[in-house]
């Protein structure tokens, strides 16, 4: 089932995630104990196998690679946003974004419009 794009605004950043619901199962892996949540540092040890690995409150969330129609929508949206974005902004595909200070909530949206000055490394 498809859902409309979700957009989040704040601090000069627009993040767009084209989402889909998984009716048959929950993607979150049984993982860390409550006293030892995963962090961005743990993500670095995961394989680069085409799946999307994200953290939600210290738990691993694994999603398969997007399907063709999803990728086409993302590409077209990126093209149009690049044409419209002011010079101080960049349209970035699949950036890793740390949502909280303790780095246990790390999302990878399909694309984001970011101020170049706000660039962050994990």
PDB file of N, CA and C in Angstrom:
ATOM      1  N   UNK A   1       0.835  -1.163   0.000  1.00  0.00           N
ATOM      2  CA  UNK A   1       0.000   0.000   0.000  1.00  0.00           C
ATOM      3  C   UNK A   1       0.885   1.231   0.000  1.00  0.00           C
ATOM      4  N   UNK A   2       0.602   2.183  -0.873  1.00  0.00           N
ATOM      5  CA  UNK A   2       1.382   3.398  -0.953  1.00  0.00           C
ATOM      6  C   UNK A   2       0.787   4.476  -0.067  1.00  0.00           C
ATOM      7  N   UNK A   3       1.650   5.299   0.459  1.00  0.00           N
ATOM      8  CA  UNK A   3       1.195   6.450   1.221  1.00  0.00           C
ATOM      9  C   UNK A   3       1.787   7.686   0.579  1.00  0.00           C
ATOM     10  N   UNK A   4       1.188   8.845   0.777  1.00  0.00           N
ATOM     11  CA  UNK A   4       1.745  10.062   0.193  1.00  0.00           C
ATOM     12  C   UNK A   4       3.097  10.385   0.809  1.00  0.00           C
ATOM     13  N   UNK A   5       3.910  11.159   0.093  1.00  0.00           N
ATOM     14  CA  UNK A   5       5.208  11.529   0.646  1.00  0.00           C
ATOM     15  C   UNK A   5       5.048  12.241   1.969  1.00  0.00           C
ATOM     16  N   UNK A   6       5.976  11.970   2.874  1.00  0.00           N
ATOM     17  CA  UNK A   6       5.992  12.656   4.166  1.00  0.00           C
ATOM     18  C   UNK A   6       7.064  13.728   4.103  1.00  0.00           C
ATOM     19  N   UNK A   7       6.762  14.913   4.542  1.00  0.00           N
ATOM     20  CA  UNK A   7       7.740  15.999   4.525  1.00  0.00           C
ATOM     21  C   UNK A   7       7.891  16.554   5.929  1.00  0.00           C
ATOM     22  N   UNK A   8       9.116  16.818   6.297  1.00  0.00           N
ATOM     23  CA  UNK A   8       9.418  17.387   7.604  1.00  0.00           C
ATOM     24  C   UNK A   8      10.259  18.636   7.387  1.00  0.00           C
ATOM     25  N   UNK A   9       9.890  19.747   8.003  1.00  0.00           N
ATOM     26  CA  UNK A   9      10.637  20.982   7.847  1.00  0.00           C
ATOM     27  C   UNK A   9      11.222  21.406   9.183  1.00  0.00           C
ATOM     28  N   UNK A  10      12.401  22.005   9.134  1.00  0.00           N
ATOM     29  CA  UNK A  10      13.002  22.532  10.343  1.00  0.00           C
ATOM     30  C   UNK A  10      14.439  22.919  10.100  1.00  0.00           C
ATOM     31  N   UNK A  11      14.879  24.014  10.632  1.00  0.00           N
ATOM     32  CA  UNK A  11      16.262  24.460  10.529  1.00  0.00           C
ATOM     33  C   UNK A  11      16.724  24.559   9.078  1.00  0.00           C
ATOM     34  N   UNK A  12      15.853  25.018   8.181  1.00  0.00           N
ATOM     35  CA  UNK A  12      16.249  25.174   6.790  1.00  0.00           C
ATOM     36  C   UNK A  12      16.387  23.874   6.044  1.00  0.00           C
ATOM     37  N   UNK A  13      15.771  22.812   6.512  1.00  0.00           N
ATOM     38  CA  UNK A  13      15.900  21.504   5.883  1.00  0.00           C
ATOM     39  C   UNK A  13      14.530  20.968   5.528  1.00  0.00           C
ATOM     40  N   UNK A  14      14.410  20.435   4.337  1.00  0.00           N
ATOM     41  CA  UNK A  14      13.203  19.747   3.926  1.00  0.00           C
ATOM     42  C   UNK A  14      13.591  18.306   3.644  1.00  0.00           C
ATOM     43  N   UNK A  15      12.950  17.364   4.331  1.00  0.00           N
ATOM     44  CA  UNK A  15      13.247  15.951   4.154  1.00  0.00           C
ATOM     45  C   UNK A  15      12.002  15.280   3.595  1.00  0.00           C
ATOM     46  N   UNK A  16      12.171  14.538   2.518  1.00  0.00           N
ATOM     47  CA  UNK A  16      11.043  13.856   1.889  1.00  0.00           C
ATOM     48  C   UNK A  16      11.311  12.360   1.894  1.00  0.00           C
ATOM     49  N   UNK A  17      10.349  11.607   2.419  1.00  0.00           N
ATOM     50  CA  UNK A  17      10.456  10.153   2.410  1.00  0.00           C
ATOM     51  C   UNK A  17       9.222   9.589   1.716  1.00  0.00           C
ATOM     52  N   UNK A  18       9.439   8.940   0.588  1.00  0.00           N
ATOM     53  CA  UNK A  18       8.357   8.228  -0.066  1.00  0.00           C
ATOM     54  C   UNK A  18       8.267   6.898   0.656  1.00  0.00           C
ATOM     55  N   UNK A  19       7.141   6.639   1.291  1.00  0.00           N
ATOM     56  CA  UNK A  19       7.063   5.474   2.159  1.00  0.00           C
ATOM     57  C   UNK A  19       6.089   4.439   1.636  1.00  0.00           C
ATOM     58  N   UNK A  20       6.245   3.239   2.120  1.00  0.00           N
ATOM     59  CA  UNK A  20       5.302   2.159   1.843  1.00  0.00           C
ATOM     60  C   UNK A  20       5.137   1.376   3.125  1.00  0.00           C
ATOM     61  N   UNK A  21       3.959   0.841   3.308  1.00  0.00           N
ATOM     62  CA  UNK A  21       3.695   0.057   4.501  1.00  0.00           C
ATOM     63  C   UNK A  21       3.942  -1.415   4.201  1.00  0.00           C
ATOM     64  N   UNK A  22       4.493  -2.107   5.161  1.00  0.00           N
ATOM     65  CA  UNK A  22       4.714  -3.546   5.053  1.00  0.00           C
ATOM     66  C   UNK A  22       3.633  -4.225   5.870  1.00  0.00           C
ATOM     67  N   UNK A  23       2.627  -4.768   5.189  1.00  0.00           N
ATOM     68  CA  UNK A  23       1.490  -5.348   5.884  1.00  0.00           C
ATOM     69  C   UNK A  23       1.810  -6.671   6.560  1.00  0.00           C
ATOM     70  N   UNK A  24       2.761  -7.428   6.013  1.00  0.00           N
ATOM     71  CA  UNK A  24       2.956  -8.792   6.488  1.00  0.00           C
ATOM     72  C   UNK A  24       3.881  -8.925   7.690  1.00  0.00           C
ATOM     73  N   UNK A  25       4.759  -7.940   7.907  1.00  0.00           N
ATOM     74  CA  UNK A  25       5.692  -8.076   9.025  1.00  0.00           C
ATOM     75  C   UNK A  25       6.256  -6.725   9.411  1.00  0.00           C
ATOM     76  N   UNK A  26       6.843  -6.687  10.561  1.00  0.00           N
ATOM     77  CA  UNK A  26       7.507  -5.486  11.063  1.00  0.00           C
ATOM     78  C   UNK A  26       8.977  -5.588  10.681  1.00  0.00           C
ATOM     79  N   UNK A  27       9.552  -4.524  10.122  1.00  0.00           N
ATOM     80  CA  UNK A  27      10.942  -4.530   9.674  1.00  0.00           C
ATOM     81  C   UNK A  27      11.945  -4.426  10.804  1.00  0.00           C
ATOM     82  N   UNK A  28      11.498  -4.035  11.969  1.00  0.00           N
ATOM     83  CA  UNK A  28      12.449  -3.814  13.048  1.00  0.00           C
ATOM     84  C   UNK A  28      12.968  -5.141  13.563  1.00  0.00           C
ATOM     85  N   UNK A  29      14.261  -5.198  13.644  1.00  0.00           N
ATOM     86  CA  UNK A  29      14.925  -6.431  14.056  1.00  0.00           C
ATOM     87  C   UNK A  29      14.934  -6.534  15.579  1.00  0.00           C
ATOM     88  N   UNK A  30      14.768  -7.755  16.067  1.00  0.00           N
ATOM     89  CA  UNK A  30      14.990  -7.932  17.495  1.00  0.00           C
ATOM     90  C   UNK A  30      16.440  -7.578  17.720  1.00  0.00           C
ATOM     91  N   UNK A  31      16.674  -6.714  18.620  1.00  0.00           N
ATOM     92  CA  UNK A  31      18.023  -6.228  18.698  1.00  0.00           C
ATOM     93  C   UNK A  31      18.462  -5.901  20.091  1.00  0.00           C
ATOM     94  N   UNK A  32      18.998  -4.711  20.216  1.00  0.00           N
ATOM     95  CA  UNK A  32      19.703  -4.374  21.433  1.00  0.00           C
ATOM     96  C   UNK A  32      18.809  -4.397  22.654  1.00  0.00           C
ATOM     97  N   UNK A  33      19.428  -4.699  23.762  1.00  0.00           N
ATOM     98  CA  UNK A  33      18.711  -4.611  25.025  1.00  0.00           C
ATOM     99  C   UNK A  33      18.431  -3.145  25.299  1.00  0.00           C
ATOM    100  N   UNK A  34      17.468  -2.888  26.141  1.00  0.00           N
ATOM    101  CA  UNK A  34      17.096  -1.505  26.464  1.00  0.00           C
ATOM    102  C   UNK A  34      18.277  -0.729  27.041  1.00  0.00           C
ATOM    103  N   UNK A  35      19.202  -1.421  27.720  1.00  0.00           N
ATOM    104  CA  UNK A  35      20.337  -0.722  28.320  1.00  0.00           C
ATOM    105  C   UNK A  35      21.501  -0.549  27.342  1.00  0.00           C
ATOM    106  N   UNK A  36      21.388  -1.057  26.103  1.00  0.00           N
ATOM    107  CA  UNK A  36      22.448  -0.909  25.112  1.00  0.00           C
ATOM    108  C   UNK A  36      21.841  -0.722  23.714  1.00  0.00           C
ATOM    109  N   UNK A  37      21.275   0.457  23.431  1.00  0.00           N
ATOM    110  CA  UNK A  37      20.718   0.693  22.104  1.00  0.00           C
ATOM    111  C   UNK A  37      21.830   0.824  21.060  1.00  0.00           C
ATOM    112  N   UNK A  38      21.521   0.483  19.828  1.00  0.00           N
ATOM    113  CA  UNK A  38      22.472   0.650  18.732  1.00  0.00           C
ATOM    114  C   UNK A  38      22.653   2.135  18.434  1.00  0.00           C
ATOM    115  N   UNK A  39      23.820   2.481  17.885  1.00  0.00           N
ATOM    116  CA  UNK A  39      24.105   3.863  17.491  1.00  0.00           C
ATOM    117  C   UNK A  39      24.593   3.878  16.046  1.00  0.00           C
ATOM    118  N   UNK A  40      24.841   5.068  15.540  1.00  0.00           N
ATOM    119  CA  UNK A  40      25.361   5.227  14.187  1.00  0.00           C
ATOM    120  C   UNK A  40      26.678   4.464  14.020  1.00  0.00           C
ATOM    121  N   UNK A  41      27.469   4.394  15.056  1.00  0.00           N
ATOM    122  CA  UNK A  41      28.731   3.650  14.983  1.00  0.00           C
ATOM    123  C   UNK A  41      28.486   2.178  14.668  1.00  0.00           C
ATOM    124  N   UNK A  42      27.397   1.602  15.182  1.00  0.00           N
ATOM    125  CA  UNK A  42      27.060   0.211  14.885  1.00  0.00           C
ATOM    126  C   UNK A  42      26.641   0.043  13.425  1.00  0.00           C
ATOM    127  N   UNK A  43      26.018   1.065  12.840  1.00  0.00           N
ATOM    128  CA  UNK A  43      25.599   0.995  11.435  1.00  0.00           C
ATOM    129  C   UNK A  43      26.795   0.835  10.500  1.00  0.00           C
ATOM    130  N   UNK A  44      27.906   1.416  10.865  1.00  0.00           N
ATOM    131  CA  UNK A  44      29.107   1.343  10.009  1.00  0.00           C
ATOM    132  C   UNK A  44      29.600  -0.086   9.808  1.00  0.00           C
ATOM    133  N   UNK A  45      29.270  -0.975  10.716  1.00  0.00           N
ATOM    134  CA  UNK A  45      29.729  -2.362  10.623  1.00  0.00           C
ATOM    135  C   UNK A  45      28.786  -3.245   9.796  1.00  0.00           C
ATOM    136  N   UNK A  46      27.666  -2.695   9.341  1.00  0.00           N
ATOM    137  CA  UNK A  46      26.705  -3.481   8.572  1.00  0.00           C
ATOM    138  C   UNK A  46      27.130  -3.543   7.108  1.00  0.00           C
ATOM    139  N   UNK A  47      26.726  -4.585   6.385  1.00  0.00           N
ATOM    140  CA  UNK A  47      27.155  -4.738   4.991  1.00  0.00           C
ATOM    141  C   UNK A  47      26.519  -3.694   4.073  1.00  0.00           C
ATOM    142  N   UNK A  48      27.202  -3.391   2.992  1.00  0.00           N
ATOM    143  CA  UNK A  48      26.661  -2.521   1.950  1.00  0.00           C
ATOM    144  C   UNK A  48      26.034  -3.445   0.911  1.00  0.00           C
ATOM    145  N   UNK A  49      24.814  -3.902   1.192  1.00  0.00           N
ATOM    146  CA  UNK A  49      24.181  -4.939   0.374  1.00  0.00           C
ATOM    147  C   UNK A  49      22.916  -4.468  -0.345  1.00  0.00           C
ATOM    148  N   UNK A  50      22.731  -3.159  -0.462  1.00  0.00           N
ATOM    149  CA  UNK A  50      21.576  -2.637  -1.176  1.00  0.00           C
ATOM    150  C   UNK A  50      20.354  -2.399  -0.307  1.00  0.00           C
ATOM    151  N   UNK A  51      20.342  -2.909   0.898  1.00  0.00           N
ATOM    152  CA  UNK A  51      19.221  -2.655   1.798  1.00  0.00           C
ATOM    153  C   UNK A  51      19.464  -1.348   2.539  1.00  0.00           C
ATOM    154  N   UNK A  52      18.396  -0.785   3.047  1.00  0.00           N
ATOM    155  CA  UNK A  52      18.493   0.459   3.798  1.00  0.00           C
ATOM    156  C   UNK A  52      18.460   0.120   5.282  1.00  0.00           C
ATOM    157  N   UNK A  53      19.530   0.467   5.974  1.00  0.00           N
ATOM    158  CA  UNK A  53      19.631   0.233   7.418  1.00  0.00           C
ATOM    159  C   UNK A  53      19.451   1.564   8.130  1.00  0.00           C
ATOM    160  N   UNK A  54      18.483   1.630   9.045  1.00  0.00           N
ATOM    161  CA  UNK A  54      18.210   2.835   9.801  1.00  0.00           C
ATOM    162  C   UNK A  54      18.050   2.471  11.264  1.00  0.00           C
ATOM    163  N   UNK A  55      18.152   3.471  12.129  1.00  0.00           N
ATOM    164  CA  UNK A  55      17.947   3.268  13.555  1.00  0.00           C
ATOM    165  C   UNK A  55      16.709   4.029  14.004  1.00  0.00           C
ATOM    166  N   UNK A  56      15.885   3.362  14.765  1.00  0.00           N
ATOM    167  CA  UNK A  56      14.704   3.985  15.352  1.00  0.00           C
ATOM    168  C   UNK A  56      14.786   3.717  16.855  1.00  0.00           C
ATOM    169  N   UNK A  57      15.111   4.749  17.604  1.00  0.00           N
ATOM    170  CA  UNK A  57      15.263   4.629  19.058  1.00  0.00           C
ATOM    171  C   UNK A  57      16.193   3.488  19.453  1.00  0.00           C
ATOM    172  N   UNK A  58      17.312   3.359  18.728  1.00  0.00           N
ATOM    173  CA  UNK A  58      18.311   2.355  19.046  1.00  0.00           C
ATOM    174  C   UNK A  58      18.039   0.969  18.500  1.00  0.00           C
ATOM    175  N   UNK A  59      16.940   0.801  17.765  1.00  0.00           N
ATOM    176  CA  UNK A  59      16.616  -0.495  17.159  1.00  0.00           C
ATOM    177  C   UNK A  59      16.857  -0.426  15.663  1.00  0.00           C
ATOM    178  N   UNK A  60      17.321  -1.526  15.097  1.00  0.00           N
ATOM    179  CA  UNK A  60      17.628  -1.598  13.677  1.00  0.00           C
ATOM    180  C   UNK A  60      16.351  -1.768  12.861  1.00  0.00           C
ATOM    181  N   UNK A  61      16.206  -0.943  11.821  1.00  0.00           N
ATOM    182  CA  UNK A  61      15.081  -1.004  10.899  1.00  0.00           C
ATOM    183  C   UNK A  61      15.671  -1.266   9.518  1.00  0.00           C
ATOM    184  N   UNK A  62      15.317  -2.390   8.889  1.00  0.00           N
ATOM    185  CA  UNK A  62      15.880  -2.785   7.607  1.00  0.00           C
ATOM    186  C   UNK A  62      14.788  -2.748   6.551  1.00  0.00           C
ATOM    187  N   UNK A  63      15.080  -2.066   5.444  1.00  0.00           N
ATOM    188  CA  UNK A  63      14.132  -1.988   4.333  1.00  0.00           C
ATOM    189  C   UNK A  63      14.808  -2.477   3.064  1.00  0.00           C
ATOM    190  N   UNK A  64      14.068  -3.118   2.166  1.00  0.00           N
ATOM    191  CA  UNK A  64      14.652  -3.543   0.899  1.00  0.00           C
ATOM    192  C   UNK A  64      14.916  -2.343  -0.005  1.00  0.00           C
ATOM    193  N   UNK A  65      15.710  -2.560  -1.030  1.00  0.00           N
ATOM    194  CA  UNK A  65      15.958  -1.510  -2.012  1.00  0.00           C
ATOM    195  C   UNK A  65      14.633  -1.096  -2.651  1.00  0.00           C
ATOM    196  N   UNK A  66      14.498   0.177  -3.020  1.00  0.00           N
ATOM    197  CA  UNK A  66      13.245   0.637  -3.613  1.00  0.00           C
ATOM    198  C   UNK A  66      12.982  -0.003  -4.972  1.00  0.00           C
ATOM    199  N   UNK A  67      11.709  -0.093  -5.312  1.00  0.00           N
ATOM    200  CA  UNK A  67      11.317  -0.622  -6.616  1.00  0.00           C
ATOM    201  C   UNK A  67      11.444   0.476  -7.667  1.00  0.00           C
ATOM    202  N   UNK A  68      11.330   0.113  -8.940  1.00  0.00           N
ATOM    203  CA  UNK A  68      11.548   1.038 -10.049  1.00  0.00           C
ATOM    204  C   UNK A  68      10.670   2.283  -9.963  1.00  0.00           C
ATOM    205  N   UNK A  69       9.372   2.124  -9.746  1.00  0.00           N
ATOM    206  CA  UNK A  69       8.474   3.281  -9.715  1.00  0.00           C
ATOM    207  C   UNK A  69       8.846   4.262  -8.599  1.00  0.00           C
ATOM    208  N   UNK A  70       9.252   3.727  -7.473  1.00  0.00           N
ATOM    209  CA  UNK A  70       9.705   4.560  -6.350  1.00  0.00           C
ATOM    210  C   UNK A  70      10.941   5.363  -6.773  1.00  0.00           C
ATOM    211  N   UNK A  71      11.900   4.682  -7.389  1.00  0.00           N
ATOM    212  CA  UNK A  71      13.145   5.334  -7.817  1.00  0.00           C
ATOM    213  C   UNK A  71      12.872   6.384  -8.894  1.00  0.00           C
ATOM    214  N   UNK A  72      11.947   6.109  -9.793  1.00  0.00           N
ATOM    215  CA  UNK A  72      11.614   7.074 -10.834  1.00  0.00           C
ATOM    216  C   UNK A  72      11.003   8.336 -10.218  1.00  0.00           C
ATOM    217  N   UNK A  73      10.092   8.172  -9.261  1.00  0.00           N
ATOM    218  CA  UNK A  73       9.487   9.326  -8.596  1.00  0.00           C
ATOM    219  C   UNK A  73      10.558  10.138  -7.865  1.00  0.00           C
ATOM    220  N   UNK A  74      11.465   9.450  -7.204  1.00  0.00           N
ATOM    221  CA  UNK A  74      12.551  10.125  -6.491  1.00  0.00           C
ATOM    222  C   UNK A  74      13.433  10.912  -7.459  1.00  0.00           C
ATOM    223  N   UNK A  75      13.771  10.316  -8.595  1.00  0.00           N
ATOM    224  CA  UNK A  75      14.621  10.987  -9.590  1.00  0.00           C
ATOM    225  C   UNK A  75      13.950  12.225 -10.152  1.00  0.00           C
ATOM    226  N   UNK A  76      12.681  12.117 -10.482  1.00  0.00           N
ATOM    227  CA  UNK A  76      11.962  13.261 -11.045  1.00  0.00           C
ATOM    228  C   UNK A  76      11.827  14.387 -10.021  1.00  0.00           C
ATOM    229  N   UNK A  77      11.535  14.028  -8.795  1.00  0.00           N
ATOM    230  CA  UNK A  77      11.416  15.034  -7.746  1.00  0.00           C
ATOM    231  C   UNK A  77      12.758  15.728  -7.500  1.00  0.00           C
ATOM    232  N   UNK A  78      13.836  14.964  -7.505  1.00  0.00           N
ATOM    233  CA  UNK A  78      15.176  15.526  -7.337  1.00  0.00           C
ATOM    234  C   UNK A  78      15.484  16.519  -8.448  1.00  0.00           C
ATOM    235  N   UNK A  79      15.165  16.160  -9.673  1.00  0.00           N
ATOM    236  CA  UNK A  79      15.408  17.034 -10.821  1.00  0.00           C
ATOM    237  C   UNK A  79      14.684  18.370 -10.642  1.00  0.00           C
ATOM    238  N   UNK A  80      13.411  18.314 -10.298  1.00  0.00           N
ATOM    239  CA  UNK A  80      12.624  19.541 -10.155  1.00  0.00           C
ATOM    240  C   UNK A  80      13.072  20.374  -8.954  1.00  0.00           C
ATOM    241  N   UNK A  81      13.384  19.723  -7.847  1.00  0.00           N
ATOM    242  CA  UNK A  81      13.856  20.469  -6.678  1.00  0.00           C
ATOM    243  C   UNK A  81      15.205  21.128  -6.935  1.00  0.00           C
ATOM    244  N   UNK A  82      16.084  20.466  -7.685  1.00  0.00           N
ATOM    245  CA  UNK A  82      17.375  21.068  -8.042  1.00  0.00           C
ATOM    246  C   UNK A  82      17.176  22.342  -8.844  1.00  0.00           C
ATOM    247  N   UNK A  83      16.194  22.337  -9.721  1.00  0.00           N
ATOM    248  CA  UNK A  83      15.926  23.518 -10.549  1.00  0.00           C
ATOM    249  C   UNK A  83      15.373  24.677  -9.719  1.00  0.00           C
ATOM    250  N   UNK A  84      14.693  24.365  -8.625  1.00  0.00           N
ATOM    251  CA  UNK A  84      14.030  25.391  -7.827  1.00  0.00           C
ATOM    252  C   UNK A  84      14.802  25.830  -6.577  1.00  0.00           C
ATOM    253  N   UNK A  85      15.727  25.027  -6.134  1.00  0.00           N
ATOM    254  CA  UNK A  85      16.420  25.311  -4.864  1.00  0.00           C
ATOM    255  C   UNK A  85      17.323  26.532  -4.982  1.00  0.00           C
ATOM    256  N   UNK A  86      17.283  27.413  -3.983  1.00  0.00           N
ATOM    257  CA  UNK A  86      18.215  28.551  -3.968  1.00  0.00           C
ATOM    258  C   UNK A  86      19.662  28.055  -3.903  1.00  0.00           C
ATOM    259  N   UNK A  87      20.584  28.902  -4.289  1.00  0.00           N
ATOM    260  CA  UNK A  87      21.998  28.517  -4.403  1.00  0.00           C
ATOM    261  C   UNK A  87      22.585  27.971  -3.103  1.00  0.00           C
ATOM    262  N   UNK A  88      22.122  28.443  -1.944  1.00  0.00           N
ATOM    263  CA  UNK A  88      22.714  27.987  -0.677  1.00  0.00           C
ATOM    264  C   UNK A  88      22.200  26.620  -0.231  1.00  0.00           C
ATOM    265  N   UNK A  89      21.290  26.048  -1.013  1.00  0.00           N
ATOM    266  CA  UNK A  89      20.732  24.731  -0.697  1.00  0.00           C
ATOM    267  C   UNK A  89      21.212  23.682  -1.689  1.00  0.00           C
ATOM    268  N   UNK A  90      21.271  22.454  -1.216  1.00  0.00           N
ATOM    269  CA  UNK A  90      21.610  21.322  -2.076  1.00  0.00           C
ATOM    270  C   UNK A  90      20.543  20.255  -1.940  1.00  0.00           C
ATOM    271  N   UNK A  91      20.217  19.615  -3.044  1.00  0.00           N
ATOM    272  CA  UNK A  91      19.307  18.477  -3.032  1.00  0.00           C
ATOM    273  C   UNK A  91      20.189  17.240  -2.979  1.00  0.00           C
ATOM    274  N   UNK A  92      20.010  16.446  -1.938  1.00  0.00           N
ATOM    275  CA  UNK A  92      20.885  15.301  -1.696  1.00  0.00           C
ATOM    276  C   UNK A  92      20.050  14.020  -1.655  1.00  0.00           C
ATOM    277  N   UNK A  93      20.485  13.020  -2.399  1.00  0.00           N
ATOM    278  CA  UNK A  93      19.790  11.725  -2.404  1.00  0.00           C
ATOM    279  C   UNK A  93      20.296  10.861  -1.253  1.00  0.00           C
ATOM    280  N   UNK A  94      19.399  10.231  -0.564  1.00  0.00           N
ATOM    281  CA  UNK A  94      19.621   9.281   0.538  1.00  0.00           C
ATOM    282  C   UNK A  94      20.707   9.692   1.543  1.00  0.00           C
ATOM    283  N   UNK A  95      20.592  10.911   2.083  1.00  0.00           N
ATOM    284  CA  UNK A  95      21.573  11.285   3.104  1.00  0.00           C
ATOM    285  C   UNK A  95      21.243  10.622   4.442  1.00  0.00           C
ATOM    286  N   UNK A  96      22.242  10.268   5.178  1.00  0.00           N
ATOM    287  CA  UNK A  96      22.015   9.777   6.535  1.00  0.00           C
ATOM    288  C   UNK A  96      21.832  10.968   7.454  1.00  0.00           C
ATOM    289  N   UNK A  97      20.762  10.970   8.233  1.00  0.00           N
ATOM    290  CA  UNK A  97      20.473  12.101   9.113  1.00  0.00           C
ATOM    291  C   UNK A  97      20.333  11.597  10.544  1.00  0.00           C
ATOM    292  N   UNK A  98      21.177  12.135  11.427  1.00  0.00           N
ATOM    293  CA  UNK A  98      21.058  11.823  12.852  1.00  0.00           C
ATOM    294  C   UNK A  98      19.955  12.700  13.425  1.00  0.00           C
ATOM    295  N   UNK A  99      18.931  12.071  13.973  1.00  0.00           N
ATOM    296  CA  UNK A  99      17.772  12.806  14.455  1.00  0.00           C
ATOM    297  C   UNK A  99      17.949  13.275  15.894  1.00  0.00           C
ATOM    298  N   UNK A 100      18.782  12.588  16.667  1.00  0.00           N
ATOM    299  CA  UNK A 100      18.973  12.992  18.063  1.00  0.00           C
ATOM    300  C   UNK A 100      20.462  13.031  18.411  1.00  0.00           C
ATOM    301  N   UNK A 101      20.770  13.674  19.519  1.00  0.00           N
ATOM    302  CA  UNK A 101      22.161  13.871  19.927  1.00  0.00           C
ATOM    303  C   UNK A 101      22.902  12.612  20.325  1.00  0.00           C
ATOM    304  N   UNK A 102      22.193  11.595  20.830  1.00  0.00           N
ATOM    305  CA  UNK A 102      22.900  10.373  21.242  1.00  0.00           C
ATOM    306  C   UNK A 102      23.025   9.371  20.093  1.00  0.00           C
ATOM    307  N   UNK A 103      22.624   9.781  18.883  1.00  0.00           N
ATOM    308  CA  UNK A 103      22.837   9.031  17.638  1.00  0.00           C
ATOM    309  C   UNK A 103      22.200   7.642  17.638  1.00  0.00           C
ATOM    310  N   UNK A 104      21.065   7.506  18.318  1.00  0.00           N
ATOM    311  CA  UNK A 104      20.322   6.240  18.309  1.00  0.00           C
ATOM    312  C   UNK A 104      19.107   6.307  17.395  1.00  0.00           C
ATOM    313  N   UNK A 105      18.895   7.432  16.762  1.00  0.00           N
ATOM    314  CA  UNK A 105      17.785   7.603  15.816  1.00  0.00           C
ATOM    315  C   UNK A 105      18.389   8.199  14.549  1.00  0.00           C
ATOM    316  N   UNK A 106      18.631   7.356  13.559  1.00  0.00           N
ATOM    317  CA  UNK A 106      19.323   7.731  12.324  1.00  0.00           C
ATOM    318  C   UNK A 106      18.455   7.291  11.153  1.00  0.00           C
ATOM    319  N   UNK A 107      18.008   8.232  10.344  1.00  0.00           N
ATOM    320  CA  UNK A 107      17.130   7.925   9.220  1.00  0.00           C
ATOM    321  C   UNK A 107      17.842   8.239   7.908  1.00  0.00           C
ATOM    322  N   UNK A 108      17.413   7.570   6.856  1.00  0.00           N
ATOM    323  CA  UNK A 108      17.944   7.788   5.526  1.00  0.00           C
ATOM    324  C   UNK A 108      16.776   8.084   4.589  1.00  0.00           C
ATOM    325  N   UNK A 109      16.387   9.359   4.480  1.00  0.00           N
ATOM    326  CA  UNK A 109      15.278   9.696   3.591  1.00  0.00           C
ATOM    327  C   UNK A 109      15.681   9.521   2.134  1.00  0.00           C
ATOM    328  N   UNK A 110      14.696   9.447   1.269  1.00  0.00           N
ATOM    329  CA  UNK A 110      14.974   9.322  -0.162  1.00  0.00           C
ATOM    330  C   UNK A 110      15.754  10.521  -0.682  1.00  0.00           C
ATOM    331  N   UNK A 111      15.382  11.685  -0.226  1.00  0.00           N
ATOM    332  CA  UNK A 111      16.132  12.883  -0.571  1.00  0.00           C
ATOM    333  C   UNK A 111      15.870  13.949   0.474  1.00  0.00           C
ATOM    334  N   UNK A 112      16.761  14.914   0.484  1.00  0.00           N
ATOM    335  CA  UNK A 112      16.621  16.032   1.419  1.00  0.00           C
ATOM    336  C   UNK A 112      17.141  17.286   0.736  1.00  0.00           C
ATOM    337  N   UNK A 113      16.563  18.416   1.077  1.00  0.00           N
ATOM    338  CA  UNK A 113      17.048  19.711   0.632  1.00  0.00           C
ATOM    339  C   UNK A 113      17.703  20.346   1.854  1.00  0.00           C
ATOM    340  N   UNK A 114      19.006  20.496   1.798  1.00  0.00           N
ATOM    341  CA  UNK A 114      19.791  20.945   2.952  1.00  0.00           C
ATOM    342  C   UNK A 114      20.591  22.191   2.620  1.00  0.00           C
ATOM    343  N   UNK A 115      20.798  23.017   3.626  1.00  0.00           N
ATOM    344  CA  UNK A 115      21.761  24.106   3.466  1.00  0.00           C
ATOM    345  C   UNK A 115      23.150  23.462   3.430  1.00  0.00           C
ATOM    346  N   UNK A 116      23.959  23.883   2.491  1.00  0.00           N
ATOM    347  CA  UNK A 116      25.309  23.332   2.378  1.00  0.00           C
ATOM    348  C   UNK A 116      26.063  23.506   3.694  1.00  0.00           C
ATOM    349  N   UNK A 117      25.795  24.589   4.409  1.00  0.00           N
ATOM    350  CA  UNK A 117      26.487  24.862   5.682  1.00  0.00           C
ATOM    351  C   UNK A 117      26.079  23.891   6.789  1.00  0.00           C
ATOM    352  N   UNK A 118      24.942  23.205   6.627  1.00  0.00           N
ATOM    353  CA  UNK A 118      24.453  22.297   7.660  1.00  0.00           C
ATOM    354  C   UNK A 118      24.898  20.855   7.439  1.00  0.00           C
ATOM    355  N   UNK A 119      25.811  20.633   6.506  1.00  0.00           N
ATOM    356  CA  UNK A 119      26.272  19.285   6.215  1.00  0.00           C
ATOM    357  C   UNK A 119      26.804  18.638   7.474  1.00  0.00           C
ATOM    358  N   UNK A 120      26.460  17.347   7.642  1.00  0.00           N
ATOM    359  CA  UNK A 120      26.883  16.614   8.840  1.00  0.00           C
ATOM    360  C   UNK A 120      27.417  15.257   8.412  1.00  0.00           C
ATOM    361  N   UNK A 121      28.433  14.810   9.065  1.00  0.00           N
ATOM    362  CA  UNK A 121      28.963  13.464   8.846  1.00  0.00           C
ATOM    363  C   UNK A 121      28.595  12.621  10.061  1.00  0.00           C
ATOM    364  N   UNK A 122      28.318  11.334   9.827  1.00  0.00           N
ATOM    365  CA  UNK A 122      27.942  10.464  10.972  1.00  0.00           C
ATOM    366  C   UNK A 122      29.002  10.402  12.048  1.00  0.00           C
TER     367      UNK A 122
END
